[in-house]
Amino acid sequence: MTWLDALWLGLIQGLTEYLPVSSSGHLEIANTLLGIEGSDNLAFAVLVHAATVCSTIVVLWKEIASLVRGVFRFQWNDETQYVSKILLSMIPVGIVGVFFKDTVESFFGNGLLTVGIMLIVTALLLTFAYYARPRMKETISYRDAFIIGLAQACAVLPGLSRSGTTIATGLILGDKKEQVARFSFLMVMIPILGEAFLDLVGGGFSPTESGLSVSAMIVGFLAAFISGCVACKWMLRLVQNGRLVWFALYCVLMAIFCIAHSLL
């Protein structure tokens, strides 16, 4: 992977991580078109996902700081309850990461058919969430947090948008758009940073192990981080004021491309 490849892939990751169009699916599409295969594919994906988590921290630092201060008051206050809901939501994806990591990784780098099918699923979820009219709730409940966590665990497949799946699930459950968007962005922080830390400790990011040059890693990380900051702010405004159903149409178009590419 050249530094120019890393730049393009980092930009794609940053711009699509928060939009309901599947960043992992778009990375698979870009990797296929650029001819990038092997361990550098997976290592780079972990790296740029960690970069977008860092952009989440920058954009939502006030909310994160407020949650941290609330937790360290050692009281069962609103902040402590919110963090406990985030921790509850991480259980399903933690189970997938521990027991099914190899199975999940086997779906990556095997062509675009799976990506295309999962993009169609993403489109269906976004469409259903748009037309569903549940009674709105004031806060995300523990039940909803766990169900949203289950949706996140399913969204480890390439092409099934994590943000789209979790936000759509929250909307179907009756959670308010802005609340579920922020919850969706915060709930993924610890799992991704944890995976990146384990790879770092295990030497997974070393040039020998990953097949990535230092320049490619730096360029990819910065590109994903900067574009992620822009996309995160845009998505928060879009969820509040826009219509996510338009992204369903985009997902269908990309799905047609992926399926056609895999069959030709």
Protein backbone atom coordinates (compact mmCIF):
# COMPACT_ATOMS: atom_id res chain seq x y z
CA MET A 1 0.00 0.00 0.00
CA THR A 2 1.44 3.36 -1.03
CA TRP A 3 0.96 6.57 0.92
CA LEU A 4 -1.40 7.77 -1.83
CA ASP A 5 -3.54 4.63 -1.40
CA ALA A 6 -3.54 5.26 2.34
CA LEU A 7 -4.65 8.85 1.78
CA TRP A 8 -7.64 7.82 -0.32
CA LEU A 9 -8.61 4.99 2.02
CA GLY A 10 -8.27 7.23 5.07
CA LEU A 11 -10.52 9.86 3.51
CA ILE A 12 -13.08 7.20 2.59
CA GLN A 13 -13.06 5.80 6.12
CA GLY A 14 -13.39 9.19 7.76
CA LEU A 15 -16.20 10.38 5.51
CA THR A 16 -18.22 7.15 5.65
CA GLU A 17 -17.74 6.11 9.29
CA TYR A 18 -20.52 8.36 10.56
CA LEU A 19 -22.73 8.30 7.49
CA PRO A 20 -25.14 5.33 7.30
CA VAL A 21 -23.43 3.82 4.26
CA SER A 22 -20.90 1.40 5.84
CA SER A 23 -17.29 2.53 6.11
CA SER A 24 -16.09 -1.10 6.16
CA GLY A 25 -18.05 -1.78 2.99
CA HIS A 26 -16.54 1.23 1.25
CA LEU A 27 -13.06 0.21 2.37
CA GLU A 28 -13.69 -3.23 0.85
CA ILE A 29 -14.82 -1.61 -2.40
CA ALA A 30 -11.77 0.66 -2.49
CA ASN A 31 -9.40 -2.18 -1.58
CA THR A 32 -10.84 -4.32 -4.37
CA LEU A 33 -10.53 -1.55 -6.94
CA LEU A 34 -6.98 -0.71 -5.81
CA GLY A 35 -5.94 -4.37 -5.62
CA ILE A 36 -5.00 -4.26 -1.94
CA GLU A 37 -5.18 -7.65 -0.23
CA GLY A 38 -3.86 -9.52 2.79
CA SER A 39 -2.93 -8.48 6.31
CA ASP A 40 -2.32 -4.84 5.37
CA ASN A 41 -6.04 -4.64 4.52
CA LEU A 42 -7.21 -5.63 8.03
CA ALA A 43 -4.45 -3.79 9.90
CA PHE A 44 -5.19 -0.59 8.02
CA ALA A 45 -8.91 -0.94 8.72
CA VAL A 46 -8.24 -1.15 12.47
CA LEU A 47 -5.90 1.85 12.26
CA VAL A 48 -8.30 4.17 10.45
CA HIS A 49 -11.24 3.07 12.60
CA ALA A 50 -9.18 4.12 15.63
CA ALA A 51 -8.55 7.46 13.91
CA THR A 52 -12.27 8.09 13.51
CA VAL A 53 -12.83 7.24 17.16
CA CYS A 54 -10.29 9.95 17.98
CA SER A 55 -12.34 12.35 15.84
CA THR A 56 -15.41 11.39 17.89
CA ILE A 57 -13.54 12.31 21.05
CA VAL A 58 -12.64 15.71 19.57
CA VAL A 59 -16.17 16.51 18.35
CA LEU A 60 -17.99 15.22 21.45
CA TRP A 61 -15.37 16.13 24.03
CA LYS A 62 -17.79 18.23 26.10
CA GLU A 63 -20.25 15.35 26.40
CA ILE A 64 -17.45 12.89 27.14
CA ALA A 65 -15.90 15.18 29.77
CA SER A 66 -19.30 15.63 31.41
CA LEU A 67 -19.81 11.86 31.54
CA VAL A 68 -16.36 11.31 33.06
CA ARG A 69 -16.92 13.97 35.72
CA GLY A 70 -20.31 12.48 36.55
CA VAL A 71 -18.93 8.96 36.92
CA PHE A 72 -16.14 10.09 39.21
CA ARG A 73 -18.62 11.67 41.58
CA PHE A 74 -19.32 8.03 42.51
CA GLN A 75 -23.05 8.59 42.58
CA TRP A 76 -25.88 6.89 40.72
CA ASN A 77 -26.53 10.06 38.73
CA ASP A 78 -27.61 10.61 35.12
CA GLU A 79 -24.04 10.41 33.82
CA THR A 80 -23.32 7.14 35.62
CA GLN A 81 -26.53 5.62 34.28
CA TYR A 82 -25.70 6.76 30.74
CA VAL A 83 -22.21 5.22 30.93
CA SER A 84 -23.68 2.00 32.33
CA LYS A 85 -26.02 1.86 29.31
CA ILE A 86 -23.03 2.30 26.99
CA LEU A 87 -21.20 -0.51 28.78
CA LEU A 88 -24.30 -2.72 28.50
CA SER A 89 -24.52 -2.02 24.77
CA MET A 90 -20.92 -3.17 24.27
CA ILE A 91 -21.51 -6.69 25.60
CA PRO A 92 -22.82 -8.19 22.31
CA VAL A 93 -19.98 -6.84 20.16
CA GLY A 94 -17.51 -7.89 22.86
CA ILE A 95 -18.80 -11.47 22.64
CA VAL A 96 -18.48 -11.38 18.84
CA GLY A 97 -14.95 -10.00 19.10
CA VAL A 98 -13.79 -12.64 21.57
CA PHE A 99 -15.47 -15.77 20.19
CA PHE A 100 -16.11 -15.04 16.51
CA LYS A 101 -13.23 -12.77 15.47
CA ASP A 102 -11.80 -15.21 12.91
CA THR A 103 -15.25 -15.86 11.44
CA VAL A 104 -15.91 -12.14 11.02
CA GLU A 105 -12.50 -11.52 9.45
CA SER A 106 -13.18 -14.28 6.92
CA PHE A 107 -15.88 -12.07 5.36
CA PHE A 108 -13.28 -9.41 4.49
CA GLY A 109 -11.23 -9.59 1.33
CA ASN A 110 -13.48 -12.15 -0.36
CA GLY A 111 -15.03 -10.01 -3.07
CA LEU A 112 -17.93 -7.60 -3.06
CA LEU A 113 -20.95 -9.92 -3.09
CA THR A 114 -21.31 -9.89 0.70
CA VAL A 115 -20.82 -6.12 0.73
CA GLY A 116 -23.57 -5.69 -1.85
CA ILE A 117 -26.05 -7.87 0.05
CA MET A 118 -25.35 -6.11 3.34
CA LEU A 119 -25.74 -2.69 1.70
CA ILE A 120 -29.24 -3.76 0.66
CA VAL A 121 -29.95 -4.76 4.27
CA THR A 122 -28.69 -1.33 5.37
CA ALA A 123 -31.01 0.34 2.86
CA LEU A 124 -33.99 -1.67 4.13
CA LEU A 125 -33.25 -0.74 7.74
CA LEU A 126 -32.95 2.97 6.91
CA THR A 127 -36.18 2.88 4.92
CA PHE A 128 -38.10 1.05 7.63
CA ALA A 129 -36.80 3.43 10.31
CA TYR A 130 -37.92 6.41 8.21
CA TYR A 131 -41.48 5.18 7.75
CA ALA A 132 -41.90 3.76 11.26
CA ARG A 133 -43.69 6.12 13.60
CA PRO A 134 -43.17 4.80 17.14
CA ARG A 135 -43.97 6.86 20.21
CA MET A 136 -40.93 8.95 21.07
CA LYS A 137 -39.14 8.40 24.39
CA GLU A 138 -37.32 10.97 26.46
CA THR A 139 -34.31 8.79 27.25
CA ILE A 140 -32.68 5.61 25.95
CA SER A 141 -33.62 2.77 28.29
CA TYR A 142 -31.39 -0.13 29.34
CA ARG A 143 -33.49 -2.42 27.16
CA ASP A 144 -33.01 -0.17 24.16
CA ALA A 145 -29.29 0.16 24.86
CA PHE A 146 -28.88 -3.63 24.79
CA ILE A 147 -30.93 -4.01 21.60
CA ILE A 148 -28.90 -1.27 19.93
CA GLY A 149 -25.81 -3.16 21.09
CA LEU A 150 -27.13 -6.30 19.40
CA ALA A 151 -27.53 -4.28 16.20
CA GLN A 152 -23.95 -3.09 16.52
CA ALA A 153 -22.74 -6.68 16.88
CA CYS A 154 -24.52 -7.63 13.65
CA ALA A 155 -22.97 -4.64 11.88
CA VAL A 156 -19.44 -6.07 12.03
CA LEU A 157 -20.15 -7.51 8.57
CA PRO A 158 -18.76 -5.42 5.68
CA GLY A 159 -21.52 -3.45 4.00
CA LEU A 160 -23.85 -3.42 7.00
CA SER A 161 -23.45 0.14 8.25
CA ARG A 162 -22.74 0.32 11.97
CA SER A 163 -24.04 3.86 12.37
CA GLY A 164 -26.97 3.19 10.05
CA THR A 165 -27.91 -0.04 11.82
CA THR A 166 -27.64 1.33 15.35
CA ILE A 167 -29.36 4.64 14.58
CA ALA A 168 -32.15 2.93 12.62
CA THR A 169 -32.64 0.44 15.46
CA GLY A 170 -32.88 3.27 17.98
CA LEU A 171 -35.39 5.14 15.84
CA ILE A 172 -37.53 2.02 15.42
CA LEU A 173 -37.49 1.60 19.21
CA GLY A 174 -38.76 5.17 19.58
CA ASP A 175 -35.58 6.93 20.69
CA LYS A 176 -35.06 10.51 19.56
CA LYS A 177 -32.82 11.02 16.54
CA GLU A 178 -30.14 13.23 18.09
CA GLN A 179 -29.97 11.12 21.27
CA VAL A 180 -29.55 7.84 19.44
CA ALA A 181 -26.95 9.35 17.08
CA ARG A 182 -24.76 10.48 19.97
CA PHE A 183 -25.25 7.17 21.74
CA SER A 184 -24.27 5.34 18.54
CA PHE A 185 -21.06 7.34 18.19
CA LEU A 186 -20.09 6.94 21.85
CA MET A 187 -20.86 3.23 22.21
CA VAL A 188 -18.24 2.18 19.64
CA MET A 189 -15.31 4.05 21.18
CA ILE A 190 -14.09 1.48 23.70
CA PRO A 191 -14.41 -1.62 21.42
CA ILE A 192 -12.46 -0.01 18.56
CA LEU A 193 -9.80 1.57 20.75
CA GLY A 194 -9.51 -1.73 22.62
CA GLU A 195 -8.94 -3.66 19.41
CA ALA A 196 -6.40 -1.09 18.22
CA PHE A 197 -4.57 -1.29 21.57
CA LEU A 198 -4.40 -5.09 21.41
CA ASP A 199 -3.02 -4.91 17.85
CA LEU A 200 -0.47 -2.32 18.96
CA VAL A 201 0.68 -4.39 21.92
CA GLY A 202 0.78 -7.53 19.79
CA GLY A 203 2.89 -5.85 17.13
CA GLY A 204 0.11 -5.92 14.56
CA PHE A 205 0.98 -2.43 13.32
CA SER A 206 4.68 -3.12 12.78
CA PRO A 207 5.72 -2.78 9.12
CA THR A 208 6.87 -6.40 9.06
CA GLU A 209 3.66 -7.81 10.50
CA SER A 210 1.12 -5.52 8.83
CA GLY A 211 2.83 -4.92 5.49
CA LEU A 212 2.21 -1.18 5.95
CA SER A 213 4.92 1.45 5.73
CA VAL A 214 5.18 4.07 8.48
CA SER A 215 4.32 6.83 6.00
CA ALA A 216 1.18 4.98 4.87
CA MET A 217 0.03 4.52 8.47
CA ILE A 218 0.60 8.18 9.35
CA VAL A 219 -1.09 9.52 6.21
CA GLY A 220 -4.03 7.12 6.54
CA PHE A 221 -4.54 7.94 10.22
CA LEU A 222 -4.45 11.71 9.68
CA ALA A 223 -6.72 11.55 6.64
CA ALA A 224 -9.31 9.46 8.53
CA PHE A 225 -9.07 11.68 11.62
CA ILE A 226 -9.51 15.00 9.82
CA SER A 227 -12.28 13.84 7.48
CA GLY A 228 -13.91 12.05 10.42
CA CYS A 229 -14.16 15.30 12.38
CA VAL A 230 -15.97 16.91 9.46
CA ALA A 231 -18.29 13.94 8.88
CA CYS A 232 -19.15 13.52 12.58
CA LYS A 233 -20.29 17.15 12.91
CA TRP A 234 -22.23 16.91 9.64
CA MET A 235 -23.95 13.67 10.63
CA LEU A 236 -25.11 15.04 13.98
CA ARG A 237 -26.78 17.96 12.17
CA LEU A 238 -28.11 15.69 9.45
CA VAL A 239 -29.73 13.24 11.85
CA GLN A 240 -31.48 16.08 13.60
CA ASN A 241 -32.69 17.96 10.52
CA GLY A 242 -32.35 15.68 7.50
CA ARG A 243 -33.85 12.52 6.07
CA LEU A 244 -31.69 9.42 6.34
CA VAL A 245 -33.88 7.64 3.80
CA TRP A 246 -31.88 9.29 0.99
CA PHE A 247 -28.87 7.26 2.10
CA ALA A 248 -30.96 4.13 1.51
CA LEU A 249 -31.08 5.01 -2.19
CA TYR A 250 -27.31 5.50 -2.23
CA CYS A 251 -26.80 2.12 -0.54
CA VAL A 252 -28.98 0.42 -3.16
CA LEU A 253 -26.96 1.98 -6.00
CA MET A 254 -23.68 0.90 -4.41
CA ALA A 255 -25.14 -2.57 -3.78
CA ILE A 256 -25.97 -2.91 -7.47
CA PHE A 257 -22.39 -1.96 -8.35
CA CYS A 258 -20.92 -4.44 -5.85
CA ILE A 259 -23.11 -7.35 -6.92
CA ALA A 260 -22.51 -6.62 -10.62
CA HIS A 261 -18.74 -6.38 -10.02
CA SER A 262 -18.69 -9.72 -8.16
CA LEU A 263 -20.65 -11.51 -10.88
CA LEU A 264 -18.74 -10.19 -13.89
